PDB file of N, CA and C in Angstrom:
ATOM      1  N   MET A   1      17.271 -89.677 -24.461  1.00  0.00           N
ATOM      2  CA  MET A   1      17.995 -89.576 -23.209  1.00  0.00           C
ATOM      3  C   MET A   1      18.932 -88.364 -23.280  1.00  0.00           C
ATOM      4  N   ALA A   2      18.933 -87.549 -22.268  1.00  0.00           N
ATOM      5  CA  ALA A   2      19.771 -86.351 -22.238  1.00  0.00           C
ATOM      6  C   ALA A   2      21.209 -86.731 -21.931  1.00  0.00           C
ATOM      7  N   ALA A   3      22.129 -86.051 -22.586  1.00  0.00           N
ATOM      8  CA  ALA A   3      23.556 -86.293 -22.351  1.00  0.00           C
ATOM      9  C   ALA A   3      23.981 -85.617 -21.059  1.00  0.00           C
ATOM     10  N   GLN A   4      24.967 -86.198 -20.405  1.00  0.00           N
ATOM     11  CA  GLN A   4      25.507 -85.602 -19.187  1.00  0.00           C
ATOM     12  C   GLN A   4      26.276 -84.340 -19.540  1.00  0.00           C
ATOM     13  N   MET A   5      26.115 -83.317 -18.729  1.00  0.00           N
ATOM     14  CA  MET A   5      26.863 -82.080 -18.947  1.00  0.00           C
ATOM     15  C   MET A   5      28.229 -82.213 -18.288  1.00  0.00           C
ATOM     16  N   THR A   6      29.240 -81.732 -18.969  1.00  0.00           N
ATOM     17  CA  THR A   6      30.581 -81.722 -18.402  1.00  0.00           C
ATOM     18  C   THR A   6      30.731 -80.509 -17.496  1.00  0.00           C
ATOM     19  N   SER A   7      31.808 -80.482 -16.744  1.00  0.00           N
ATOM     20  CA  SER A   7      32.047 -79.313 -15.886  1.00  0.00           C
ATOM     21  C   SER A   7      32.235 -78.053 -16.737  1.00  0.00           C
ATOM     22  N   ASP A   8      32.844 -78.199 -17.922  1.00  0.00           N
ATOM     23  CA  ASP A   8      32.987 -77.042 -18.816  1.00  0.00           C
ATOM     24  C   ASP A   8      31.624 -76.543 -19.288  1.00  0.00           C
ATOM     25  N   ASP A   9      30.706 -77.478 -19.570  1.00  0.00           N
ATOM     26  CA  ASP A   9      29.351 -77.102 -19.972  1.00  0.00           C
ATOM     27  C   ASP A   9      28.662 -76.332 -18.845  1.00  0.00           C
ATOM     28  N   LEU A  10      28.807 -76.828 -17.615  1.00  0.00           N
ATOM     29  CA  LEU A  10      28.164 -76.180 -16.466  1.00  0.00           C
ATOM     30  C   LEU A  10      28.743 -74.791 -16.219  1.00  0.00           C
ATOM     31  N   VAL A  11      30.055 -74.654 -16.376  1.00  0.00           N
ATOM     32  CA  VAL A  11      30.688 -73.339 -16.220  1.00  0.00           C
ATOM     33  C   VAL A  11      30.170 -72.394 -17.305  1.00  0.00           C
ATOM     34  N   GLY A  12      29.978 -72.912 -18.501  1.00  0.00           N
ATOM     35  CA  GLY A  12      29.423 -72.095 -19.585  1.00  0.00           C
ATOM     36  C   GLY A  12      28.012 -71.632 -19.276  1.00  0.00           C
ATOM     37  N   VAL A  13      27.195 -72.507 -18.717  1.00  0.00           N
ATOM     38  CA  VAL A  13      25.832 -72.128 -18.328  1.00  0.00           C
ATOM     39  C   VAL A  13      25.884 -71.063 -17.242  1.00  0.00           C
ATOM     40  N   LEU A  14      26.765 -71.244 -16.265  1.00  0.00           N
ATOM     41  CA  LEU A  14      26.908 -70.245 -15.198  1.00  0.00           C
ATOM     42  C   LEU A  14      27.338 -68.898 -15.781  1.00  0.00           C
ATOM     43  N   ARG A  15      28.315 -68.906 -16.671  1.00  0.00           N
ATOM     44  CA  ARG A  15      28.767 -67.669 -17.288  1.00  0.00           C
ATOM     45  C   ARG A  15      27.643 -66.991 -18.060  1.00  0.00           C
ATOM     46  N   ASP A  16      26.926 -67.746 -18.861  1.00  0.00           N
ATOM     47  CA  ASP A  16      25.817 -67.177 -19.640  1.00  0.00           C
ATOM     48  C   ASP A  16      24.759 -66.566 -18.727  1.00  0.00           C
ATOM     49  N   THR A  17      24.503 -67.232 -17.621  1.00  0.00           N
ATOM     50  CA  THR A  17      23.508 -66.737 -16.665  1.00  0.00           C
ATOM     51  C   THR A  17      23.979 -65.438 -16.013  1.00  0.00           C
ATOM     52  N   VAL A  18      25.231 -65.407 -15.581  1.00  0.00           N
ATOM     53  CA  VAL A  18      25.772 -64.199 -14.944  1.00  0.00           C
ATOM     54  C   VAL A  18      25.794 -63.043 -15.939  1.00  0.00           C
ATOM     55  N   VAL A  19      26.208 -63.303 -17.169  1.00  0.00           N
ATOM     56  CA  VAL A  19      26.237 -62.251 -18.190  1.00  0.00           C
ATOM     57  C   VAL A  19      24.824 -61.718 -18.440  1.00  0.00           C
ATOM     58  N   ALA A  20      23.847 -62.611 -18.516  1.00  0.00           N
ATOM     59  CA  ALA A  20      22.460 -62.178 -18.717  1.00  0.00           C
ATOM     60  C   ALA A  20      21.983 -61.317 -17.551  1.00  0.00           C
ATOM     61  N   LEU A  21      22.373 -61.674 -16.333  1.00  0.00           N
ATOM     62  CA  LEU A  21      21.990 -60.879 -15.159  1.00  0.00           C
ATOM     63  C   LEU A  21      22.636 -59.498 -15.203  1.00  0.00           C
ATOM     64  N   VAL A  22      23.884 -59.435 -15.623  1.00  0.00           N
ATOM     65  CA  VAL A  22      24.604 -58.162 -15.691  1.00  0.00           C
ATOM     66  C   VAL A  22      23.999 -57.246 -16.752  1.00  0.00           C
ATOM     67  N   ARG A  23      23.585 -57.813 -17.860  1.00  0.00           N
ATOM     68  CA  ARG A  23      23.090 -57.013 -18.985  1.00  0.00           C
ATOM     69  C   ARG A  23      21.656 -56.542 -18.825  1.00  0.00           C
ATOM     70  N   ARG A  24      20.892 -57.181 -17.971  1.00  0.00           N
ATOM     71  CA  ARG A  24      19.479 -56.824 -17.878  1.00  0.00           C
ATOM     72  C   ARG A  24      19.290 -55.555 -17.065  1.00  0.00           C
ATOM     73  N   ASP A  25      18.159 -54.905 -17.292  1.00  0.00           N
ATOM     74  CA  ASP A  25      17.797 -53.743 -16.488  1.00  0.00           C
ATOM     75  C   ASP A  25      17.250 -54.244 -15.156  1.00  0.00           C
ATOM     76  N   GLY A  26      17.336 -53.410 -14.169  1.00  0.00           N
ATOM     77  CA  GLY A  26      16.788 -53.767 -12.873  1.00  0.00           C
ATOM     78  C   GLY A  26      17.876 -53.869 -11.829  1.00  0.00           C
ATOM     79  N   VAL A  27      17.493 -54.418 -10.713  1.00  0.00           N
ATOM     80  CA  VAL A  27      18.393 -54.493  -9.571  1.00  0.00           C
ATOM     81  C   VAL A  27      19.398 -55.625  -9.748  1.00  0.00           C
ATOM     82  N   ASP A  28      20.536 -55.453  -9.118  1.00  0.00           N
ATOM     83  CA  ASP A  28      21.569 -56.480  -9.097  1.00  0.00           C
ATOM     84  C   ASP A  28      21.622 -57.094  -7.713  1.00  0.00           C
ATOM     85  N   LEU A  29      21.908 -58.379  -7.667  1.00  0.00           N
ATOM     86  CA  LEU A  29      22.130 -59.064  -6.398  1.00  0.00           C
ATOM     87  C   LEU A  29      23.607 -59.392  -6.290  1.00  0.00           C
ATOM     88  N   SER A  30      24.136 -59.280  -5.078  1.00  0.00           N
ATOM     89  CA  SER A  30      25.523 -59.686  -4.857  1.00  0.00           C
ATOM     90  C   SER A  30      25.585 -61.215  -4.906  1.00  0.00           C
ATOM     91  N   ALA A  31      26.795 -61.732  -4.958  1.00  0.00           N
ATOM     92  CA  ALA A  31      26.968 -63.191  -4.960  1.00  0.00           C
ATOM     93  C   ALA A  31      26.372 -63.794  -3.694  1.00  0.00           C
ATOM     94  N   ARG A  32      26.554 -63.141  -2.569  1.00  0.00           N
ATOM     95  CA  ARG A  32      26.010 -63.658  -1.309  1.00  0.00           C
ATOM     96  C   ARG A  32      24.482 -63.628  -1.332  1.00  0.00           C
ATOM     97  N   GLN A  33      23.909 -62.517  -1.779  1.00  0.00           N
ATOM     98  CA  GLN A  33      22.453 -62.424  -1.859  1.00  0.00           C
ATOM     99  C   GLN A  33      21.901 -63.484  -2.804  1.00  0.00           C
ATOM    100  N   LEU A  34      22.571 -63.682  -3.924  1.00  0.00           N
ATOM    101  CA  LEU A  34      22.141 -64.686  -4.883  1.00  0.00           C
ATOM    102  C   LEU A  34      22.260 -66.088  -4.281  1.00  0.00           C
ATOM    103  N   GLY A  35      23.322 -66.330  -3.530  1.00  0.00           N
ATOM    104  CA  GLY A  35      23.493 -67.621  -2.868  1.00  0.00           C
ATOM    105  C   GLY A  35      22.388 -67.905  -1.868  1.00  0.00           C
ATOM    106  N   VAL A  36      22.036 -66.905  -1.072  1.00  0.00           N
ATOM    107  CA  VAL A  36      20.941 -67.069  -0.101  1.00  0.00           C
ATOM    108  C   VAL A  36      19.630 -67.287  -0.842  1.00  0.00           C
ATOM    109  N   PHE A  37      19.386 -66.476  -1.865  1.00  0.00           N
ATOM    110  CA  PHE A  37      18.148 -66.603  -2.632  1.00  0.00           C
ATOM    111  C   PHE A  37      18.028 -67.992  -3.256  1.00  0.00           C
ATOM    112  N   LEU A  38      19.081 -68.457  -3.913  1.00  0.00           N
ATOM    113  CA  LEU A  38      19.026 -69.761  -4.573  1.00  0.00           C
ATOM    114  C   LEU A  38      18.888 -70.903  -3.575  1.00  0.00           C
ATOM    115  N   THR A  39      19.505 -70.767  -2.415  1.00  0.00           N
ATOM    116  CA  THR A  39      19.358 -71.793  -1.379  1.00  0.00           C
ATOM    117  C   THR A  39      17.906 -71.883  -0.926  1.00  0.00           C
ATOM    118  N   CYS A  40      17.271 -70.736  -0.719  1.00  0.00           N
ATOM    119  CA  CYS A  40      15.859 -70.725  -0.326  1.00  0.00           C
ATOM    120  C   CYS A  40      14.975 -71.228  -1.464  1.00  0.00           C
ATOM    121  N   TYR A  41      15.320 -70.876  -2.690  1.00  0.00           N
ATOM    122  CA  TYR A  41      14.512 -71.249  -3.846  1.00  0.00           C
ATOM    123  C   TYR A  41      14.597 -72.746  -4.128  1.00  0.00           C
ATOM    124  N   LEU A  42      15.788 -73.297  -4.071  1.00  0.00           N
ATOM    125  CA  LEU A  42      15.978 -74.696  -4.443  1.00  0.00           C
ATOM    126  C   LEU A  42      15.572 -75.673  -3.349  1.00  0.00           C
ATOM    127  N   ASN A  43      15.563 -75.217  -2.113  1.00  0.00           N
ATOM    128  CA  ASN A  43      15.190 -76.080  -0.984  1.00  0.00           C
ATOM    129  C   ASN A  43      13.894 -75.561  -0.389  1.00  0.00           C
ATOM    130  N   GLU A  44      12.789 -76.186  -0.769  1.00  0.00           N
ATOM    131  CA  GLU A  44      11.484 -75.704  -0.331  1.00  0.00           C
ATOM    132  C   GLU A  44      11.357 -75.713   1.180  1.00  0.00           C
ATOM    133  N   GLY A  45      10.384 -74.978   1.649  1.00  0.00           N
ATOM    134  CA  GLY A  45      10.122 -74.901   3.074  1.00  0.00           C
ATOM    135  C   GLY A  45      10.823 -73.715   3.693  1.00  0.00           C
ATOM    136  N   ALA A  46      10.640 -73.585   4.973  1.00  0.00           N
ATOM    137  CA  ALA A  46      11.220 -72.457   5.700  1.00  0.00           C
ATOM    138  C   ALA A  46      12.649 -72.779   6.119  1.00  0.00           C
ATOM    139  N   HIS A  47      13.456 -71.755   6.180  1.00  0.00           N
ATOM    140  CA  HIS A  47      14.840 -71.859   6.602  1.00  0.00           C
ATOM    141  C   HIS A  47      15.042 -70.920   7.778  1.00  0.00           C
ATOM    142  N   THR A  48      16.003 -71.213   8.609  1.00  0.00           N
ATOM    143  CA  THR A  48      16.362 -70.293   9.687  1.00  0.00           C
ATOM    144  C   THR A  48      17.627 -69.545   9.283  1.00  0.00           C
ATOM    145  N   VAL A  49      17.820 -68.399   9.895  1.00  0.00           N
ATOM    146  CA  VAL A  49      19.035 -67.628   9.652  1.00  0.00           C
ATOM    147  C   VAL A  49      20.240 -68.481  10.046  1.00  0.00           C
ATOM    148  N   ARG A  50      20.141 -69.138  11.181  1.00  0.00           N
ATOM    149  CA  ARG A  50      21.239 -69.994  11.653  1.00  0.00           C
ATOM    150  C   ARG A  50      21.518 -71.113  10.656  1.00  0.00           C
ATOM    151  N   GLY A  51      20.468 -71.752  10.159  1.00  0.00           N
ATOM    152  CA  GLY A  51      20.638 -72.842   9.204  1.00  0.00           C
ATOM    153  C   GLY A  51      21.250 -72.373   7.895  1.00  0.00           C
ATOM    154  N   LEU A  52      20.811 -71.212   7.397  1.00  0.00           N
ATOM    155  CA  LEU A  52      21.389 -70.664   6.173  1.00  0.00           C
ATOM    156  C   LEU A  52      22.865 -70.321   6.373  1.00  0.00           C
ATOM    157  N   ALA A  53      23.180 -69.750   7.540  1.00  0.00           N
ATOM    158  CA  ALA A  53      24.568 -69.398   7.836  1.00  0.00           C
ATOM    159  C   ALA A  53      25.438 -70.649   7.863  1.00  0.00           C
ATOM    160  N   GLN A  54      24.953 -71.716   8.472  1.00  0.00           N
ATOM    161  CA  GLN A  54      25.716 -72.959   8.516  1.00  0.00           C
ATOM    162  C   GLN A  54      25.855 -73.563   7.124  1.00  0.00           C
ATOM    163  N   GLN A  55      24.763 -73.580   6.380  1.00  0.00           N
ATOM    164  CA  GLN A  55      24.770 -74.189   5.060  1.00  0.00           C
ATOM    165  C   GLN A  55      25.709 -73.465   4.100  1.00  0.00           C
ATOM    166  N   LEU A  56      25.744 -72.128   4.190  1.00  0.00           N
ATOM    167  CA  LEU A  56      26.576 -71.330   3.289  1.00  0.00           C
ATOM    168  C   LEU A  56      27.946 -71.005   3.884  1.00  0.00           C
ATOM    169  N   ASN A  57      28.144 -71.394   5.149  1.00  0.00           N
ATOM    170  CA  ASN A  57      29.412 -71.166   5.842  1.00  0.00           C
ATOM    171  C   ASN A  57      29.773 -69.682   5.903  1.00  0.00           C
ATOM    172  N   VAL A  58      28.786 -68.870   6.289  1.00  0.00           N
ATOM    173  CA  VAL A  58      28.996 -67.442   6.514  1.00  0.00           C
ATOM    174  C   VAL A  58      28.362 -67.076   7.851  1.00  0.00           C
ATOM    175  N   SER A  59      28.624 -65.876   8.314  1.00  0.00           N
ATOM    176  CA  SER A  59      28.101 -65.455   9.615  1.00  0.00           C
ATOM    177  C   SER A  59      26.597 -65.158   9.550  1.00  0.00           C
ATOM    178  N   LYS A  60      25.953 -65.223  10.705  1.00  0.00           N
ATOM    179  CA  LYS A  60      24.524 -64.875  10.776  1.00  0.00           C
ATOM    180  C   LYS A  60      24.285 -63.413  10.386  1.00  0.00           C
ATOM    181  N   PRO A  61      25.151 -62.455  10.819  1.00  0.00           N
ATOM    182  CA  PRO A  61      24.935 -61.075  10.369  1.00  0.00           C
ATOM    183  C   PRO A  61      25.010 -60.925   8.845  1.00  0.00           C
ATOM    184  N   ALA A  62      25.868 -61.706   8.198  1.00  0.00           N
ATOM    185  CA  ALA A  62      25.953 -61.648   6.731  1.00  0.00           C
ATOM    186  C   ALA A  62      24.654 -62.146   6.101  1.00  0.00           C
ATOM    187  N   ILE A  63      24.075 -63.188   6.666  1.00  0.00           N
ATOM    188  CA  ILE A  63      22.785 -63.692   6.169  1.00  0.00           C
ATOM    189  C   ILE A  63      21.712 -62.645   6.393  1.00  0.00           C
ATOM    190  N   THR A  64      21.730 -62.016   7.556  1.00  0.00           N
ATOM    191  CA  THR A  64      20.733 -60.985   7.871  1.00  0.00           C
ATOM    192  C   THR A  64      20.805 -59.835   6.878  1.00  0.00           C
ATOM    193  N   ARG A  65      22.018 -59.383   6.538  1.00  0.00           N
ATOM    194  CA  ARG A  65      22.161 -58.298   5.563  1.00  0.00           C
ATOM    195  C   ARG A  65      21.643 -58.722   4.182  1.00  0.00           C
ATOM    196  N   ALA A  66      21.953 -59.946   3.785  1.00  0.00           N
ATOM    197  CA  ALA A  66      21.459 -60.446   2.494  1.00  0.00           C
ATOM    198  C   ALA A  66      19.936 -60.531   2.516  1.00  0.00           C
ATOM    199  N   LEU A  67      19.376 -60.977   3.621  1.00  0.00           N
ATOM    200  CA  LEU A  67      17.920 -61.080   3.726  1.00  0.00           C
ATOM    201  C   LEU A  67      17.252 -59.711   3.738  1.00  0.00           C
ATOM    202  N   ASP A  68      17.914 -58.722   4.300  1.00  0.00           N
ATOM    203  CA  ASP A  68      17.369 -57.360   4.259  1.00  0.00           C
ATOM    204  C   ASP A  68      17.143 -56.939   2.813  1.00  0.00           C
ATOM    205  N   ARG A  69      18.137 -57.176   1.972  1.00  0.00           N
ATOM    206  CA  ARG A  69      18.037 -56.808   0.552  1.00  0.00           C
ATOM    207  C   ARG A  69      16.983 -57.655  -0.160  1.00  0.00           C
ATOM    208  N   LEU A  70      16.979 -58.958   0.088  1.00  0.00           N
ATOM    209  CA  LEU A  70      15.994 -59.833  -0.554  1.00  0.00           C
ATOM    210  C   LEU A  70      14.577 -59.484  -0.107  1.00  0.00           C
ATOM    211  N   SER A  71      14.423 -59.080   1.126  1.00  0.00           N
ATOM    212  CA  SER A  71      13.103 -58.658   1.628  1.00  0.00           C
ATOM    213  C   SER A  71      12.669 -57.357   0.967  1.00  0.00           C
ATOM    214  N   ASP A  72      13.613 -56.418   0.829  1.00  0.00           N
ATOM    215  CA  ASP A  72      13.303 -55.148   0.161  1.00  0.00           C
ATOM    216  C   ASP A  72      12.813 -55.378  -1.265  1.00  0.00           C
ATOM    217  N   LEU A  73      13.357 -56.393  -1.922  1.00  0.00           N
ATOM    218  CA  LEU A  73      12.987 -56.705  -3.300  1.00  0.00           C
ATOM    219  C   LEU A  73      11.819 -57.684  -3.393  1.00  0.00           C
ATOM    220  N   ASP A  74      11.261 -58.069  -2.246  1.00  0.00           N
ATOM    221  CA  ASP A  74      10.143 -59.021  -2.161  1.00  0.00           C
ATOM    222  C   ASP A  74      10.500 -60.383  -2.771  1.00  0.00           C
ATOM    223  N   LEU A  75      11.747 -60.797  -2.567  1.00  0.00           N
ATOM    224  CA  LEU A  75      12.178 -62.105  -3.047  1.00  0.00           C
ATOM    225  C   LEU A  75      12.182 -63.146  -1.931  1.00  0.00           C
ATOM    226  N   ALA A  76      12.198 -62.673  -0.700  1.00  0.00           N
ATOM    227  CA  ALA A  76      12.153 -63.555   0.470  1.00  0.00           C
ATOM    228  C   ALA A  76      11.473 -62.790   1.595  1.00  0.00           C
ATOM    229  N   ARG A  77      10.960 -63.541   2.555  1.00  0.00           N
ATOM    230  CA  ARG A  77      10.333 -62.889   3.715  1.00  0.00           C
ATOM    231  C   ARG A  77      10.701 -63.645   4.977  1.00  0.00           C
ATOM    232  N   ARG A  78      10.636 -62.906   6.069  1.00  0.00           N
ATOM    233  CA  ARG A  78      10.896 -63.479   7.386  1.00  0.00           C
ATOM    234  C   ARG A  78       9.587 -63.551   8.149  1.00  0.00           C
ATOM    235  N   LYS A  79       9.498 -64.555   8.992  1.00  0.00           N
ATOM    236  CA  LYS A  79       8.370 -64.602   9.915  1.00  0.00           C
ATOM    237  C   LYS A  79       8.820 -65.310  11.182  1.00  0.00           C
ATOM    238  N   VAL A  80       8.142 -65.002  12.262  1.00  0.00           N
ATOM    239  CA  VAL A  80       8.473 -65.615  13.543  1.00  0.00           C
ATOM    240  C   VAL A  80       8.038 -67.074  13.500  1.00  0.00           C
ATOM    241  N   ASP A  81       8.898 -67.944  13.981  1.00  0.00           N
ATOM    242  CA  ASP A  81       8.589 -69.373  14.056  1.00  0.00           C
ATOM    243  C   ASP A  81       7.536 -69.577  15.139  1.00  0.00           C
ATOM    244  N   PRO A  82       6.353 -70.075  14.780  1.00  0.00           N
ATOM    245  CA  PRO A  82       5.317 -70.255  15.803  1.00  0.00           C
ATOM    246  C   PRO A  82       5.710 -71.274  16.866  1.00  0.00           C
ATOM    247  N   ALA A  83       6.595 -72.188  16.537  1.00  0.00           N
ATOM    248  CA  ALA A  83       7.019 -73.200  17.504  1.00  0.00           C
ATOM    249  C   ALA A  83       8.090 -72.671  18.459  1.00  0.00           C
ATOM    250  N   ASP A  84       8.832 -71.655  18.039  1.00  0.00           N
ATOM    251  CA  ASP A  84       9.894 -71.073  18.857  1.00  0.00           C
ATOM    252  C   ASP A  84      10.011 -69.603  18.489  1.00  0.00           C
ATOM    253  N   ARG A  85       9.368 -68.748  19.280  1.00  0.00           N
ATOM    254  CA  ARG A  85       9.284 -67.332  18.931  1.00  0.00           C
ATOM    255  C   ARG A  85      10.644 -66.635  18.917  1.00  0.00           C
ATOM    256  N   ARG A  86      11.687 -67.294  19.433  1.00  0.00           N
ATOM    257  CA  ARG A  86      13.032 -66.713  19.364  1.00  0.00           C
ATOM    258  C   ARG A  86      13.640 -66.888  17.979  1.00  0.00           C
ATOM    259  N   SER A  87      13.087 -67.796  17.213  1.00  0.00           N
ATOM    260  CA  SER A  87      13.635 -68.140  15.909  1.00  0.00           C
ATOM    261  C   SER A  87      12.869 -67.443  14.788  1.00  0.00           C
ATOM    262  N   VAL A  88      13.590 -67.052  13.750  1.00  0.00           N
ATOM    263  CA  VAL A  88      12.990 -66.418  12.580  1.00  0.00           C
ATOM    264  C   VAL A  88      13.083 -67.389  11.416  1.00  0.00           C
ATOM    265  N   LEU A  89      11.972 -67.583  10.734  1.00  0.00           N
ATOM    266  CA  LEU A  89      11.938 -68.439   9.551  1.00  0.00           C
ATOM    267  C   LEU A  89      12.049 -67.586   8.305  1.00  0.00           C
ATOM    268  N   VAL A  90      12.746 -68.089   7.317  1.00  0.00           N
ATOM    269  CA  VAL A  90      12.926 -67.397   6.045  1.00  0.00           C
ATOM    270  C   VAL A  90      12.242 -68.238   4.978  1.00  0.00           C
ATOM    271  N   GLN A  91      11.409 -67.582   4.175  1.00  0.00           N
ATOM    272  CA  GLN A  91      10.699 -68.274   3.099  1.00  0.00           C
ATOM    273  C   GLN A  91      10.831 -67.488   1.822  1.00  0.00           C
ATOM    274  N   ARG A  92      10.805 -68.182   0.704  1.00  0.00           N
ATOM    275  CA  ARG A  92      10.760 -67.492  -0.572  1.00  0.00           C
ATOM    276  C   ARG A  92       9.358 -66.950  -0.773  1.00  0.00           C
ATOM    277  N   THR A  93       9.246 -65.915  -1.555  1.00  0.00           N
ATOM    278  CA  THR A  93       7.940 -65.313  -1.846  1.00  0.00           C
ATOM    279  C   THR A  93       7.455 -65.784  -3.203  1.00  0.00           C
ATOM    280  N   THR A  94       6.234 -65.423  -3.538  1.00  0.00           N
ATOM    281  CA  THR A  94       5.683 -65.747  -4.858  1.00  0.00           C
ATOM    282  C   THR A  94       6.525 -65.078  -5.931  1.00  0.00           C
ATOM    283  N   LYS A  95       6.899 -63.831  -5.717  1.00  0.00           N
ATOM    284  CA  LYS A  95       7.753 -63.118  -6.669  1.00  0.00           C
ATOM    285  C   LYS A  95       9.103 -63.797  -6.805  1.00  0.00           C
ATOM    286  N   GLY A  96       9.625 -64.280  -5.664  1.00  0.00           N
ATOM    287  CA  GLY A  96      10.931 -64.943  -5.663  1.00  0.00           C
ATOM    288  C   GLY A  96      10.846 -66.294  -6.285  1.00  0.00           C
TER     289      GLY A  96
END
């Protein structure tokens, strides 16, 4: 049976992860971009810009800017919602 992680353990894992991201070669993601990416990654299915903005408590333009970067890196993609062409769906990619 696995032991429960304490909040200090979780903070240590977060620190180790951030340090590993900083030290590696390649592109960097901002905290906001990483938040959008992880939200899409951890919650399967399509997301809307509006839904991501509400979930992360940031503006829709901020989500759009983060998605621009994630799209450039092929970590997420947008597509028109077939049920409502006014709405844009956000999905993680295979690379993401």
